Amino acid sequence: MTAKSHGLEDECQAILDASGLTEDQVTLPTMGSPLPQPNVIAPTFKANWPVKSSGTSSFEQALLADGGDEDALAATNGIADEDLLEAEAEPERNGHLEEPEDEEAEGWDMGEDAIPEVEEEFVNVESADAGAGSSEAEMWTRNSPVAADHVAGGSFDTAMNLLNRQVGAVNFKPLESRFEEIHQATRTYLPANPELPPLVNYVRRTLKETDSRKILPFIPRDLESITTGDLPAGKQRMQKNQLEEGSQIFKKILHTMLVNAVASQSEVQEVSLASTQEIHDG
């Protein structure tokens, strides 16, 4: 379908020959015209960027005085003559240093070449043990034993293992939408240059935390939003005898609280009491 929509007839015929089908046996949907290429907003490649004219520096002038090659030095990136403020004039306040009387003071004697010893406890920053190149999403999975934080970090397998050990969950199909909701809400994307992936920005709930071992992700639909939004809506459906809709809302609340994060022990008890009440009401 991609080759057909872009008018690649030869490619289409090659695909048909490889599959052993004919064009009559393939049913294609209604296709529109392909998307146009994005226009260049700022054609910087056509701009004549200002380049500072190169000249000879004071050091190059000294070389020229000793018989250097003027043509070769003119091609180097020196400083223009007009930029030199009295380059040839010697500073009066510094004066000239008298030649040292002691032979040991002559030149810049740095002593013997000292070879630094290689430390045995050298840590390779590119190794996996050093944690170099780790994204913030990987830090979330290391910093928290909460399944919701592992979902935010993209580690769905460890999140399901945690839910299985902590609450005995075995069927994760009803939690699929909750997993996707958390994973998408913890990232923002900034478009980069063409043909390059966007820049990813991770959203935290620990905004003032500077220790990388305590950084945790933002989890959408916290306990407050559930108690002020979803819970009254479910009770209202039950009061109006809309049992099927109310049951769906309460199931959604249970799934949301199952994959969530709290900030204190009091919120843990509140979640436990709310879950018990919802199960009773449902």
Protein backbone atom coordinates (compact mmCIF):
# COMPACT_ATOMS: atom_id res chain seq x y z
CA MET A 1 0.00 0.00 0.00
CA THR A 2 2.90 2.35 0.73
CA ALA A 3 4.47 1.70 -2.67
CA LYS A 4 1.10 2.08 -4.42
CA SER A 5 0.26 5.35 -2.69
CA HIS A 6 3.62 6.83 -3.75
CA GLY A 7 3.35 5.67 -7.35
CA LEU A 8 6.13 3.09 -7.20
CA GLU A 9 4.68 0.75 -9.82
CA ASP A 10 7.86 -1.31 -10.25
CA GLU A 11 8.07 -1.89 -6.52
CA CYS A 12 4.39 -2.89 -6.44
CA GLN A 13 4.90 -5.43 -9.22
CA ALA A 14 7.94 -6.89 -7.45
CA ILE A 15 5.91 -7.34 -4.26
CA LEU A 16 3.08 -9.01 -6.17
CA ASP A 17 5.49 -11.39 -7.89
CA ALA A 18 7.08 -12.34 -4.56
CA SER A 19 3.70 -12.98 -2.93
CA GLY A 20 2.27 -14.95 -5.85
CA LEU A 21 -0.80 -12.71 -6.10
CA THR A 22 -2.26 -10.54 -8.81
CA GLU A 23 -3.45 -6.98 -8.50
CA ASP A 24 -7.09 -8.11 -8.78
CA GLN A 25 -6.71 -10.27 -5.69
CA VAL A 26 -5.53 -7.35 -3.52
CA THR A 27 -8.14 -5.02 -2.07
CA LEU A 28 -6.73 -1.59 -1.32
CA PRO A 29 -8.49 1.14 0.68
CA THR A 30 -9.18 4.56 -0.73
CA MET A 31 -5.88 6.39 -0.76
CA GLY A 32 -5.32 10.09 -0.91
CA SER A 33 -2.30 11.96 -2.09
CA PRO A 34 0.95 11.46 -0.12
CA LEU A 35 1.88 14.02 2.48
CA PRO A 36 3.96 16.90 1.08
CA GLN A 37 7.48 17.46 2.24
CA PRO A 38 7.77 20.16 4.92
CA ASN A 39 8.90 23.52 3.66
CA VAL A 40 12.10 25.11 4.85
CA ILE A 41 11.25 27.87 7.32
CA ALA A 42 14.66 29.53 7.44
CA PRO A 43 16.94 28.57 4.50
CA THR A 44 20.15 29.08 6.41
CA PHE A 45 22.12 27.12 3.83
CA LYS A 46 21.60 30.01 1.39
CA ALA A 47 22.70 32.72 3.79
CA ASN A 48 26.11 34.34 3.41
CA TRP A 49 27.28 34.24 6.99
CA PRO A 50 29.66 37.09 7.83
CA VAL A 51 33.21 35.89 8.14
CA LYS A 52 35.85 37.99 9.79
CA SER A 53 38.71 38.74 7.44
CA SER A 54 41.90 37.05 8.44
CA GLY A 55 45.12 38.94 8.95
CA THR A 56 48.47 38.52 10.60
CA SER A 57 48.92 38.50 14.33
CA SER A 58 51.85 39.93 16.22
CA PHE A 59 53.31 36.44 16.53
CA GLU A 60 53.05 35.94 12.77
CA GLN A 61 54.62 39.32 12.15
CA ALA A 62 57.58 38.26 14.25
CA LEU A 63 57.95 35.15 12.14
CA LEU A 64 57.77 37.23 8.97
CA ALA A 65 60.57 39.43 10.30
CA ASP A 66 62.76 36.33 10.60
CA GLY A 67 62.13 35.39 6.98
CA GLY A 68 58.94 33.40 7.21
CA ASP A 69 56.69 32.71 4.28
CA GLU A 70 54.26 35.62 4.06
CA ASP A 71 51.92 33.87 1.64
CA ALA A 72 51.61 30.83 3.88
CA LEU A 73 50.90 32.92 6.96
CA ALA A 74 48.30 35.02 5.17
CA ALA A 75 46.09 31.96 4.83
CA THR A 76 46.05 31.31 8.57
CA ASN A 77 43.41 32.56 10.98
CA GLY A 78 45.23 35.48 12.50
CA ILE A 79 44.05 38.79 13.88
CA ALA A 80 43.61 41.69 11.53
CA ASP A 81 46.05 44.56 11.77
CA GLU A 82 43.34 47.02 12.61
CA ASP A 83 42.35 44.91 15.65
CA LEU A 84 45.76 45.22 17.24
CA LEU A 85 45.84 48.10 19.71
CA GLU A 86 49.47 49.17 19.74
CA ALA A 87 50.63 45.58 19.30
CA GLU A 88 54.15 46.67 18.49
CA ALA A 89 54.40 49.01 21.45
CA GLU A 90 55.90 47.39 24.50
CA PRO A 91 54.05 47.91 27.77
CA GLU A 92 55.72 50.51 29.95
CA ARG A 93 54.39 49.28 33.27
CA ASN A 94 55.80 45.77 32.91
CA GLY A 95 59.16 46.63 31.50
CA HIS A 96 61.78 44.04 30.70
CA LEU A 97 62.93 41.33 33.03
CA GLU A 98 66.61 41.21 33.68
CA GLU A 99 68.41 38.09 32.67
CA PRO A 100 68.68 35.72 35.62
CA GLU A 101 72.07 35.28 37.17
CA ASP A 102 71.38 31.79 38.40
CA GLU A 103 71.64 29.12 35.74
CA GLU A 104 68.95 27.08 37.46
CA ALA A 105 66.42 29.88 36.89
CA GLU A 106 66.89 29.89 33.13
CA GLY A 107 63.92 28.74 31.10
CA TRP A 108 60.92 26.84 32.30
CA ASP A 109 62.49 23.75 33.74
CA MET A 110 59.70 21.30 34.41
CA GLY A 111 62.03 18.55 35.56
CA GLU A 112 61.87 15.01 34.34
CA ASP A 113 58.84 13.83 32.48
CA ALA A 114 56.47 12.61 35.15
CA ILE A 115 54.22 9.79 34.06
CA PRO A 116 51.06 9.65 36.18
CA GLU A 117 50.43 6.32 37.79
CA VAL A 118 47.28 4.52 36.78
CA GLU A 119 44.98 4.12 39.74
CA GLU A 120 43.75 0.64 40.38
CA GLU A 121 40.31 1.87 41.42
CA PHE A 122 39.71 3.60 38.09
CA VAL A 123 36.03 3.57 37.15
CA ASN A 124 35.09 3.35 33.50
CA VAL A 125 32.29 5.84 33.01
CA GLU A 126 31.12 4.01 29.92
CA SER A 127 30.57 0.74 31.75
CA ALA A 128 27.18 -0.46 32.87
CA ASP A 129 28.26 -0.51 36.52
CA ALA A 130 29.03 3.21 36.49
CA GLY A 131 25.57 4.04 35.23
CA ALA A 132 26.80 6.22 32.39
CA GLY A 133 24.19 6.93 29.76
CA SER A 134 21.30 5.89 32.00
CA SER A 135 18.12 7.78 31.27
CA GLU A 136 15.91 9.18 33.97
CA ALA A 137 13.33 6.50 33.20
CA GLU A 138 15.85 3.84 34.25
CA MET A 139 16.47 5.75 37.49
CA TRP A 140 12.75 5.57 38.29
CA THR A 141 12.77 1.77 38.14
CA ARG A 142 15.84 1.61 40.42
CA ASN A 143 14.57 4.17 42.93
CA SER A 144 11.11 2.74 43.63
CA PRO A 145 9.45 -0.59 44.49
CA VAL A 146 6.08 0.77 43.31
CA ALA A 147 4.62 -0.79 40.17
CA ALA A 148 3.36 2.56 38.87
CA ASP A 149 6.88 3.99 38.86
CA HIS A 150 8.13 0.99 36.88
CA VAL A 151 5.33 1.51 34.38
CA ALA A 152 6.37 5.16 34.02
CA GLY A 153 9.92 4.02 33.36
CA GLY A 154 8.75 1.69 30.59
CA SER A 155 9.60 -1.50 32.47
CA PHE A 156 6.23 -3.23 32.14
CA ASP A 157 7.63 -6.68 32.95
CA THR A 158 8.96 -5.67 36.37
CA ALA A 159 5.75 -3.74 37.05
CA MET A 160 3.67 -6.86 36.43
CA ASN A 161 6.00 -8.93 38.60
CA LEU A 162 5.59 -6.43 41.43
CA LEU A 163 1.81 -6.48 41.12
CA ASN A 164 1.84 -10.27 41.13
CA ARG A 165 3.92 -10.43 44.32
CA GLN A 166 2.22 -7.53 46.11
CA VAL A 167 -1.48 -8.00 45.29
CA GLY A 168 -1.57 -11.37 43.52
CA ALA A 169 -2.55 -9.94 40.12
CA VAL A 170 -2.42 -12.47 37.26
CA ASN A 171 -4.62 -10.93 34.53
CA PHE A 172 -3.12 -7.65 33.31
CA LYS A 173 -5.33 -7.10 30.26
CA PRO A 174 -7.71 -4.73 32.17
CA LEU A 175 -4.66 -2.67 33.23
CA GLU A 176 -3.38 -2.13 29.69
CA SER A 177 -5.01 1.27 29.30
CA ARG A 178 -3.73 2.36 32.73
CA PHE A 179 -0.19 1.32 31.78
CA GLU A 180 -0.37 3.37 28.57
CA GLU A 181 -1.87 6.36 30.41
CA ILE A 182 0.99 6.51 32.92
CA HIS A 183 3.73 5.90 30.36
CA GLN A 184 2.47 8.66 28.05
CA ALA A 185 1.81 11.20 30.83
CA THR A 186 5.39 11.09 32.14
CA ARG A 187 7.01 12.29 28.92
CA THR A 188 6.92 15.38 26.77
CA TYR A 189 8.52 15.56 23.34
CA LEU A 190 10.22 18.52 21.69
CA PRO A 191 10.75 18.20 17.92
CA ALA A 192 14.42 18.38 16.97
CA ASN A 193 16.15 18.74 13.62
CA PRO A 194 14.68 16.97 10.59
CA GLU A 195 15.39 13.22 10.44
CA LEU A 196 16.37 13.23 14.12
CA PRO A 197 14.28 11.86 17.00
CA PRO A 198 12.56 14.41 19.27
CA LEU A 199 14.07 15.49 22.56
CA VAL A 200 12.44 13.69 25.48
CA ASN A 201 11.68 15.52 28.72
CA TYR A 202 10.72 13.43 31.75
CA VAL A 203 8.02 14.75 34.09
CA ARG A 204 8.72 14.32 37.82
CA ARG A 205 6.56 14.46 40.90
CA THR A 206 9.62 15.15 43.08
CA LEU A 207 10.22 18.63 41.71
CA LYS A 208 12.53 19.89 44.47
CA GLU A 209 14.59 16.70 44.79
CA THR A 210 18.25 16.98 43.75
CA ASP A 211 19.42 13.52 44.74
CA SER A 212 19.22 11.24 41.69
CA ARG A 213 18.45 8.29 43.98
CA LYS A 214 15.19 9.93 45.09
CA ILE A 215 13.86 11.15 41.74
CA LEU A 216 10.41 9.70 40.98
CA PRO A 217 7.99 10.16 38.06
CA PHE A 218 4.69 11.97 37.92
CA ILE A 219 1.75 9.57 38.15
CA PRO A 220 -1.52 10.90 36.65
CA ARG A 221 -4.92 10.53 38.31
CA ASP A 222 -3.81 10.52 41.93
CA LEU A 223 -5.98 9.75 44.95
CA GLU A 224 -7.38 13.28 45.15
CA SER A 225 -8.58 13.26 41.54
CA ILE A 226 -10.24 9.89 42.09
CA THR A 227 -12.07 10.90 45.26
CA THR A 228 -13.22 14.22 43.83
CA GLY A 229 -14.05 13.12 40.30
CA ASP A 230 -14.53 9.43 39.57
CA LEU A 231 -15.96 8.34 42.92
CA PRO A 232 -18.87 10.85 42.99
CA ALA A 233 -19.62 10.01 39.34
CA GLY A 234 -19.86 6.30 40.17
CA LYS A 235 -22.14 6.92 43.16
CA GLN A 236 -24.34 9.15 41.06
CA ARG A 237 -24.79 6.39 38.48
CA MET A 238 -25.74 3.95 41.21
CA GLN A 239 -28.28 6.37 42.68
CA LYS A 240 -29.90 6.76 39.27
CA ASN A 241 -30.08 2.96 38.94
CA GLN A 242 -27.58 3.00 36.07
CA LEU A 243 -25.91 -0.09 37.44
CA GLU A 244 -23.90 -1.08 34.37
CA GLU A 245 -22.31 2.35 33.94
CA GLY A 246 -21.69 2.65 37.68
CA SER A 247 -20.05 -0.78 37.75
CA GLN A 248 -17.68 0.22 34.93
CA ILE A 249 -16.69 3.40 36.75
CA PHE A 250 -15.94 1.54 39.98
CA LYS A 251 -13.87 -1.05 38.10
CA LYS A 252 -11.91 1.74 36.50
CA ILE A 253 -11.31 3.30 39.92
CA LEU A 254 -9.99 0.01 41.28
CA HIS A 255 -7.63 -0.41 38.32
CA THR A 256 -6.44 3.18 38.71
CA MET A 257 -5.69 2.78 42.43
CA LEU A 258 -4.04 -0.58 41.81
CA VAL A 259 -1.39 1.12 39.64
CA ASN A 260 -0.83 4.34 41.52
CA ALA A 261 1.56 6.00 43.97
CA VAL A 262 0.98 7.72 47.30
CA ALA A 263 3.15 10.07 49.29
CA SER A 264 2.42 9.06 52.89
CA GLN A 265 1.18 6.22 55.08
CA SER A 266 -2.10 8.03 55.69
CA GLU A 267 -2.80 7.97 51.96
CA VAL A 268 -2.09 4.23 51.95
CA GLN A 269 -4.77 3.68 54.58
CA GLU A 270 -7.14 5.96 52.70
CA VAL A 271 -6.63 3.99 49.49
CA SER A 272 -7.27 0.72 51.36
CA LEU A 273 -10.50 2.03 52.90
CA ALA A 274 -11.68 3.51 49.60
CA SER A 275 -11.02 0.23 47.80
CA THR A 276 -12.99 -1.73 50.38
CA GLN A 277 -15.88 0.70 50.14
CA GLU A 278 -15.93 0.60 46.35
CA ILE A 279 -15.95 -3.19 46.32
CA HIS A 280 -18.89 -3.15 48.75
CA ASP A 281 -20.77 -0.51 46.74
CA GLY A 282 -20.06 -2.25 43.46
